[in-house]
Amino acid sequence: MAKKPTARTEFVLFNVTYEDGSQKSNRKVPLDAVEDPYDRDKAIRSAIEEQDRTISERSGLPPLAIKAITRAK
């Protein structure tokens, strides 16, 4: 019996540089945020900040301030 096709969520990858100089590569941001017609940069930043909040809650460490976000090639 054939498998049912699943819905595919597409992502765009970004590199994030933090105020302390550390960098995280290939952070996944949903394509919906990247295609926001009103304020794309704000939508991308808020998606990454939400991921950072989730990570900091699990690790017990405070989230770092974002210095720059660049699209990965």
PDB file of N, CA and C in Angstrom:
ATOM      1  N   MET A   1       0.844  -1.168   0.000  1.00  0.00           N
ATOM      2  CA  MET A   1       0.000   0.000   0.000  1.00  0.00           C
ATOM      3  C   MET A   1       0.900   1.245   0.000  1.00  0.00           C
ATOM      4  N   ALA A   2       0.573   2.210  -0.821  1.00  0.00           N
ATOM      5  CA  ALA A   2       1.377   3.426  -0.947  1.00  0.00           C
ATOM      6  C   ALA A   2       1.160   4.349   0.255  1.00  0.00           C
ATOM      7  N   LYS A   3       2.209   5.073   0.583  1.00  0.00           N
ATOM      8  CA  LYS A   3       2.110   6.025   1.679  1.00  0.00           C
ATOM      9  C   LYS A   3       1.373   7.271   1.213  1.00  0.00           C
ATOM     10  N   LYS A   4       0.663   7.882   2.142  1.00  0.00           N
ATOM     11  CA  LYS A   4      -0.017   9.136   1.834  1.00  0.00           C
ATOM     12  C   LYS A   4       1.014  10.261   1.809  1.00  0.00           C
ATOM     13  N   PRO A   5       0.889  11.171   0.880  1.00  0.00           N
ATOM     14  CA  PRO A   5       1.836  12.291   0.872  1.00  0.00           C
ATOM     15  C   PRO A   5       1.592  13.200   2.081  1.00  0.00           C
ATOM     16  N   THR A   6       2.677  13.694   2.650  1.00  0.00           N
ATOM     17  CA  THR A   6       2.554  14.582   3.800  1.00  0.00           C
ATOM     18  C   THR A   6       2.760  16.020   3.362  1.00  0.00           C
ATOM     19  N   ALA A   7       2.206  16.918   4.115  1.00  0.00           N
ATOM     20  CA  ALA A   7       2.382  18.336   3.820  1.00  0.00           C
ATOM     21  C   ALA A   7       3.828  18.709   4.083  1.00  0.00           C
ATOM     22  N   ARG A   8       4.421  19.433   3.151  1.00  0.00           N
ATOM     23  CA  ARG A   8       5.818  19.837   3.287  1.00  0.00           C
ATOM     24  C   ARG A   8       5.885  21.274   3.747  1.00  0.00           C
ATOM     25  N   THR A   9       6.639  21.471   4.801  1.00  0.00           N
ATOM     26  CA  THR A   9       6.881  22.818   5.281  1.00  0.00           C
ATOM     27  C   THR A   9       8.238  23.233   4.754  1.00  0.00           C
ATOM     28  N   GLU A  10       8.279  24.339   4.043  1.00  0.00           N
ATOM     29  CA  GLU A  10       9.538  24.779   3.469  1.00  0.00           C
ATOM     30  C   GLU A  10      10.175  25.833   4.356  1.00  0.00           C
ATOM     31  N   PHE A  11      11.494  25.819   4.376  1.00  0.00           N
ATOM     32  CA  PHE A  11      12.266  26.718   5.214  1.00  0.00           C
ATOM     33  C   PHE A  11      13.305  27.454   4.390  1.00  0.00           C
ATOM     34  N   VAL A  12      13.743  28.577   4.932  1.00  0.00           N
ATOM     35  CA  VAL A  12      14.871  29.320   4.395  1.00  0.00           C
ATOM     36  C   VAL A  12      15.901  29.367   5.511  1.00  0.00           C
ATOM     37  N   LEU A  13      17.163  29.196   5.166  1.00  0.00           N
ATOM     38  CA  LEU A  13      18.222  29.129   6.165  1.00  0.00           C
ATOM     39  C   LEU A  13      18.890  30.489   6.339  1.00  0.00           C
ATOM     40  N   PHE A  14      19.179  30.829   7.602  1.00  0.00           N
ATOM     41  CA  PHE A  14      19.820  32.094   7.937  1.00  0.00           C
ATOM     42  C   PHE A  14      20.957  31.847   8.909  1.00  0.00           C
ATOM     43  N   ASN A  15      21.998  32.672   8.813  1.00  0.00           N
ATOM     44  CA  ASN A  15      23.090  32.689   9.777  1.00  0.00           C
ATOM     45  C   ASN A  15      22.839  33.864  10.714  1.00  0.00           C
ATOM     46  N   VAL A  16      22.988  33.626  12.008  1.00  0.00           N
ATOM     47  CA  VAL A  16      22.700  34.647  13.009  1.00  0.00           C
ATOM     48  C   VAL A  16      23.974  34.952  13.785  1.00  0.00           C
ATOM     49  N   THR A  17      24.313  36.238  13.881  1.00  0.00           N
ATOM     50  CA  THR A  17      25.446  36.687  14.683  1.00  0.00           C
ATOM     51  C   THR A  17      24.888  37.407  15.901  1.00  0.00           C
ATOM     52  N   TYR A  18      25.417  37.065  17.074  1.00  0.00           N
ATOM     53  CA  TYR A  18      24.934  37.640  18.318  1.00  0.00           C
ATOM     54  C   TYR A  18      25.878  38.729  18.812  1.00  0.00           C
ATOM     55  N   GLU A  19      25.406  39.547  19.744  1.00  0.00           N
ATOM     56  CA  GLU A  19      26.175  40.674  20.288  1.00  0.00           C
ATOM     57  C   GLU A  19      27.494  40.235  20.920  1.00  0.00           C
ATOM     58  N   ASP A  20      27.547  39.026  21.472  1.00  0.00           N
ATOM     59  CA  ASP A  20      28.782  38.562  22.110  1.00  0.00           C
ATOM     60  C   ASP A  20      29.791  38.002  21.106  1.00  0.00           C
ATOM     61  N   GLY A  21      29.453  38.026  19.820  1.00  0.00           N
ATOM     62  CA  GLY A  21      30.356  37.565  18.774  1.00  0.00           C
ATOM     63  C   GLY A  21      30.124  36.128  18.336  1.00  0.00           C
ATOM     64  N   SER A  22      29.273  35.401  19.030  1.00  0.00           N
ATOM     65  CA  SER A  22      28.996  34.019  18.637  1.00  0.00           C
ATOM     66  C   SER A  22      28.090  34.000  17.410  1.00  0.00           C
ATOM     67  N   GLN A  23      28.096  32.858  16.709  1.00  0.00           N
ATOM     68  CA  GLN A  23      27.307  32.740  15.485  1.00  0.00           C
ATOM     69  C   GLN A  23      26.623  31.386  15.450  1.00  0.00           C
ATOM     70  N   LYS A  24      25.405  31.376  14.969  1.00  0.00           N
ATOM     71  CA  LYS A  24      24.654  30.143  14.742  1.00  0.00           C
ATOM     72  C   LYS A  24      24.371  30.071  13.248  1.00  0.00           C
ATOM     73  N   SER A  25      24.716  28.945  12.651  1.00  0.00           N
ATOM     74  CA  SER A  25      24.549  28.792  11.212  1.00  0.00           C
ATOM     75  C   SER A  25      23.310  27.971  10.883  1.00  0.00           C
ATOM     76  N   ASN A  26      22.745  28.266   9.729  1.00  0.00           N
ATOM     77  CA  ASN A  26      21.643  27.498   9.158  1.00  0.00           C
ATOM     78  C   ASN A  26      20.427  27.396  10.073  1.00  0.00           C
ATOM     79  N   ARG A  27      20.003  28.527  10.612  1.00  0.00           N
ATOM     80  CA  ARG A  27      18.777  28.573  11.405  1.00  0.00           C
ATOM     81  C   ARG A  27      17.598  28.533  10.437  1.00  0.00           C
ATOM     82  N   LYS A  28      16.668  27.636  10.678  1.00  0.00           N
ATOM     83  CA  LYS A  28      15.516  27.472   9.799  1.00  0.00           C
ATOM     84  C   LYS A  28      14.422  28.471  10.140  1.00  0.00           C
ATOM     85  N   VAL A  29      13.962  29.197   9.115  1.00  0.00           N
ATOM     86  CA  VAL A  29      12.854  30.132   9.258  1.00  0.00           C
ATOM     87  C   VAL A  29      11.786  29.708   8.244  1.00  0.00           C
ATOM     88  N   PRO A  30      10.531  29.553   8.669  1.00  0.00           N
ATOM     89  CA  PRO A  30       9.483  29.147   7.733  1.00  0.00           C
ATOM     90  C   PRO A  30       9.374  30.117   6.555  1.00  0.00           C
ATOM     91  N   LEU A  31       9.104  29.574   5.394  1.00  0.00           N
ATOM     92  CA  LEU A  31       8.995  30.365   4.171  1.00  0.00           C
ATOM     93  C   LEU A  31       7.917  31.441   4.292  1.00  0.00           C
ATOM     94  N   ASP A  32       6.880  31.190   5.087  1.00  0.00           N
ATOM     95  CA  ASP A  32       5.813  32.175   5.287  1.00  0.00           C
ATOM     96  C   ASP A  32       6.357  33.484   5.862  1.00  0.00           C
ATOM     97  N   ALA A  33       7.289  33.393   6.792  1.00  0.00           N
ATOM     98  CA  ALA A  33       7.863  34.601   7.398  1.00  0.00           C
ATOM     99  C   ALA A  33       8.708  35.363   6.394  1.00  0.00           C
ATOM    100  N   VAL A  34       9.400  34.647   5.530  1.00  0.00           N
ATOM    101  CA  VAL A  34      10.268  35.284   4.542  1.00  0.00           C
ATOM    102  C   VAL A  34       9.439  35.986   3.469  1.00  0.00           C
ATOM    103  N   GLU A  35       8.262  35.469   3.201  1.00  0.00           N
ATOM    104  CA  GLU A  35       7.402  36.040   2.164  1.00  0.00           C
ATOM    105  C   GLU A  35       6.419  37.072   2.701  1.00  0.00           C
ATOM    106  N   ASP A  36       6.612  37.521   3.949  1.00  0.00           N
ATOM    107  CA  ASP A  36       5.731  38.535   4.539  1.00  0.00           C
ATOM    108  C   ASP A  36       5.799  39.810   3.704  1.00  0.00           C
ATOM    109  N   PRO A  37       4.685  40.249   3.117  1.00  0.00           N
ATOM    110  CA  PRO A  37       4.734  41.413   2.215  1.00  0.00           C
ATOM    111  C   PRO A  37       4.903  42.748   2.936  1.00  0.00           C
ATOM    112  N   TYR A  38       4.657  42.801   4.236  1.00  0.00           N
ATOM    113  CA  TYR A  38       4.682  44.078   4.935  1.00  0.00           C
ATOM    114  C   TYR A  38       6.050  44.404   5.522  1.00  0.00           C
ATOM    115  N   ASP A  39       6.580  43.515   6.330  1.00  0.00           N
ATOM    116  CA  ASP A  39       7.863  43.777   6.965  1.00  0.00           C
ATOM    117  C   ASP A  39       8.627  42.466   7.089  1.00  0.00           C
ATOM    118  N   ARG A  40       9.305  42.104   6.039  1.00  0.00           N
ATOM    119  CA  ARG A  40      10.010  40.822   5.964  1.00  0.00           C
ATOM    120  C   ARG A  40      11.094  40.710   7.038  1.00  0.00           C
ATOM    121  N   ASP A  41      11.897  41.761   7.213  1.00  0.00           N
ATOM    122  CA  ASP A  41      12.989  41.711   8.189  1.00  0.00           C
ATOM    123  C   ASP A  41      12.473  41.499   9.608  1.00  0.00           C
ATOM    124  N   LYS A  42      11.391  42.170   9.944  1.00  0.00           N
ATOM    125  CA  LYS A  42      10.818  42.037  11.283  1.00  0.00           C
ATOM    126  C   LYS A  42      10.255  40.624  11.481  1.00  0.00           C
ATOM    127  N   ALA A  43       9.636  40.058  10.451  1.00  0.00           N
ATOM    128  CA  ALA A  43       9.070  38.711  10.544  1.00  0.00           C
ATOM    129  C   ALA A  43      10.170  37.663  10.714  1.00  0.00           C
ATOM    130  N   ILE A  44      11.276  37.829   9.994  1.00  0.00           N
ATOM    131  CA  ILE A  44      12.395  36.896  10.110  1.00  0.00           C
ATOM    132  C   ILE A  44      13.012  37.002  11.503  1.00  0.00           C
ATOM    133  N   ARG A  45      13.256  38.230  11.963  1.00  0.00           N
ATOM    134  CA  ARG A  45      13.854  38.447  13.286  1.00  0.00           C
ATOM    135  C   ARG A  45      12.957  37.875  14.386  1.00  0.00           C
ATOM    136  N   SER A  46      11.657  38.100  14.300  1.00  0.00           N
ATOM    137  CA  SER A  46      10.762  37.601  15.350  1.00  0.00           C
ATOM    138  C   SER A  46      10.701  36.076  15.349  1.00  0.00           C
ATOM    139  N   ALA A  47      10.789  35.445  14.173  1.00  0.00           N
ATOM    140  CA  ALA A  47      10.798  33.981  14.113  1.00  0.00           C
ATOM    141  C   ALA A  47      12.051  33.425  14.787  1.00  0.00           C
ATOM    142  N   ILE A  48      13.193  34.048  14.531  1.00  0.00           N
ATOM    143  CA  ILE A  48      14.444  33.588  15.139  1.00  0.00           C
ATOM    144  C   ILE A  48      14.448  33.883  16.636  1.00  0.00           C
ATOM    145  N   GLU A  49      13.935  35.039  17.050  1.00  0.00           N
ATOM    146  CA  GLU A  49      13.867  35.359  18.479  1.00  0.00           C
ATOM    147  C   GLU A  49      12.964  34.380  19.219  1.00  0.00           C
ATOM    148  N   GLU A  50      11.885  33.955  18.588  1.00  0.00           N
ATOM    149  CA  GLU A  50      10.987  32.962  19.202  1.00  0.00           C
ATOM    150  C   GLU A  50      11.729  31.639  19.391  1.00  0.00           C
ATOM    151  N   GLN A  51      12.510  31.232  18.395  1.00  0.00           N
ATOM    152  CA  GLN A  51      13.309  30.022  18.526  1.00  0.00           C
ATOM    153  C   GLN A  51      14.306  30.170  19.680  1.00  0.00           C
ATOM    154  N   ASP A  52      14.940  31.347  19.772  1.00  0.00           N
ATOM    155  CA  ASP A  52      15.908  31.600  20.843  1.00  0.00           C
ATOM    156  C   ASP A  52      15.252  31.534  22.222  1.00  0.00           C
ATOM    157  N   ARG A  53      14.027  32.067  22.344  1.00  0.00           N
ATOM    158  CA  ARG A  53      13.314  32.017  23.623  1.00  0.00           C
ATOM    159  C   ARG A  53      13.034  30.573  24.024  1.00  0.00           C
ATOM    160  N   THR A  54      12.615  29.768  23.064  1.00  0.00           N
ATOM    161  CA  THR A  54      12.341  28.357  23.344  1.00  0.00           C
ATOM    162  C   THR A  54      13.610  27.641  23.786  1.00  0.00           C
ATOM    163  N   ILE A  55      14.706  27.901  23.093  1.00  0.00           N
ATOM    164  CA  ILE A  55      15.983  27.279  23.443  1.00  0.00           C
ATOM    165  C   ILE A  55      16.432  27.723  24.834  1.00  0.00           C
ATOM    166  N   SER A  56      16.284  29.020  25.133  1.00  0.00           N
ATOM    167  CA  SER A  56      16.735  29.521  26.441  1.00  0.00           C
ATOM    168  C   SER A  56      15.881  28.971  27.579  1.00  0.00           C
ATOM    169  N   GLU A  57      14.585  28.773  27.348  1.00  0.00           N
ATOM    170  CA  GLU A  57      13.726  28.185  28.383  1.00  0.00           C
ATOM    171  C   GLU A  57      14.170  26.766  28.699  1.00  0.00           C
ATOM    172  N   ARG A  58      14.528  26.017  27.676  1.00  0.00           N
ATOM    173  CA  ARG A  58      14.937  24.626  27.887  1.00  0.00           C
ATOM    174  C   ARG A  58      16.316  24.517  28.521  1.00  0.00           C
ATOM    175  N   SER A  59      17.207  25.444  28.142  1.00  0.00           N
ATOM    176  CA  SER A  59      18.582  25.368  28.650  1.00  0.00           C
ATOM    177  C   SER A  59      18.757  26.071  29.985  1.00  0.00           C
ATOM    178  N   GLY A  60      17.862  27.001  30.313  1.00  0.00           N
ATOM    179  CA  GLY A  60      17.987  27.753  31.543  1.00  0.00           C
ATOM    180  C   GLY A  60      18.909  28.952  31.439  1.00  0.00           C
ATOM    181  N   LEU A  61      19.425  29.227  30.242  1.00  0.00           N
ATOM    182  CA  LEU A  61      20.298  30.375  30.010  1.00  0.00           C
ATOM    183  C   LEU A  61      19.502  31.497  29.362  1.00  0.00           C
ATOM    184  N   PRO A  62      19.855  32.747  29.633  1.00  0.00           N
ATOM    185  CA  PRO A  62      19.119  33.856  29.008  1.00  0.00           C
ATOM    186  C   PRO A  62      19.417  33.933  27.507  1.00  0.00           C
ATOM    187  N   PRO A  63      18.442  34.374  26.703  1.00  0.00           N
ATOM    188  CA  PRO A  63      18.688  34.495  25.261  1.00  0.00           C
ATOM    189  C   PRO A  63      19.685  35.622  24.973  1.00  0.00           C
ATOM    190  N   LEU A  64      20.445  35.456  23.910  1.00  0.00           N
ATOM    191  CA  LEU A  64      21.426  36.456  23.505  1.00  0.00           C
ATOM    192  C   LEU A  64      20.781  37.486  22.592  1.00  0.00           C
ATOM    193  N   ALA A  65      21.320  38.710  22.599  1.00  0.00           N
ATOM    194  CA  ALA A  65      20.825  39.757  21.716  1.00  0.00           C
ATOM    195  C   ALA A  65      21.386  39.539  20.317  1.00  0.00           C
ATOM    196  N   ILE A  66      20.534  39.678  19.316  1.00  0.00           N
ATOM    197  CA  ILE A  66      20.924  39.455  17.927  1.00  0.00           C
ATOM    198  C   ILE A  66      21.574  40.712  17.367  1.00  0.00           C
ATOM    199  N   LYS A  67      22.737  40.532  16.741  1.00  0.00           N
ATOM    200  CA  LYS A  67      23.447  41.648  16.125  1.00  0.00           C
ATOM    201  C   LYS A  67      23.131  41.737  14.628  1.00  0.00           C
ATOM    202  N   ALA A  68      23.182  40.591  13.935  1.00  0.00           N
ATOM    203  CA  ALA A  68      22.943  40.588  12.487  1.00  0.00           C
ATOM    204  C   ALA A  68      22.364  39.245  12.049  1.00  0.00           C
ATOM    205  N   ILE A  69      21.549  39.299  11.004  1.00  0.00           N
ATOM    206  CA  ILE A  69      20.969  38.104  10.403  1.00  0.00           C
ATOM    207  C   ILE A  69      21.257  38.172   8.907  1.00  0.00           C
ATOM    208  N   THR A  70      21.874  37.119   8.371  1.00  0.00           N
ATOM    209  CA  THR A  70      22.149  37.059   6.944  1.00  0.00           C
ATOM    210  C   THR A  70      21.628  35.751   6.385  1.00  0.00           C
ATOM    211  N   ARG A  71      21.183  35.795   5.158  1.00  0.00           N
ATOM    212  CA  ARG A  71      20.663  34.590   4.523  1.00  0.00           C
ATOM    213  C   ARG A  71      21.831  33.669   4.166  1.00  0.00           C
ATOM    214  N   ALA A  72      21.694  32.393   4.487  1.00  0.00           N
ATOM    215  CA  ALA A  72      22.734  31.408   4.171  1.00  0.00           C
ATOM    216  C   ALA A  72      22.676  31.101   2.677  1.00  0.00           C
ATOM    217  N   LYS A  73      23.821  30.797   2.119  1.00  0.00           N
ATOM    218  CA  LYS A  73      23.895  30.509   0.672  1.00  0.00           C
ATOM    219  C   LYS A  73      23.738  29.067   0.386  1.00  0.00           C
TER     220      LYS A  73
END
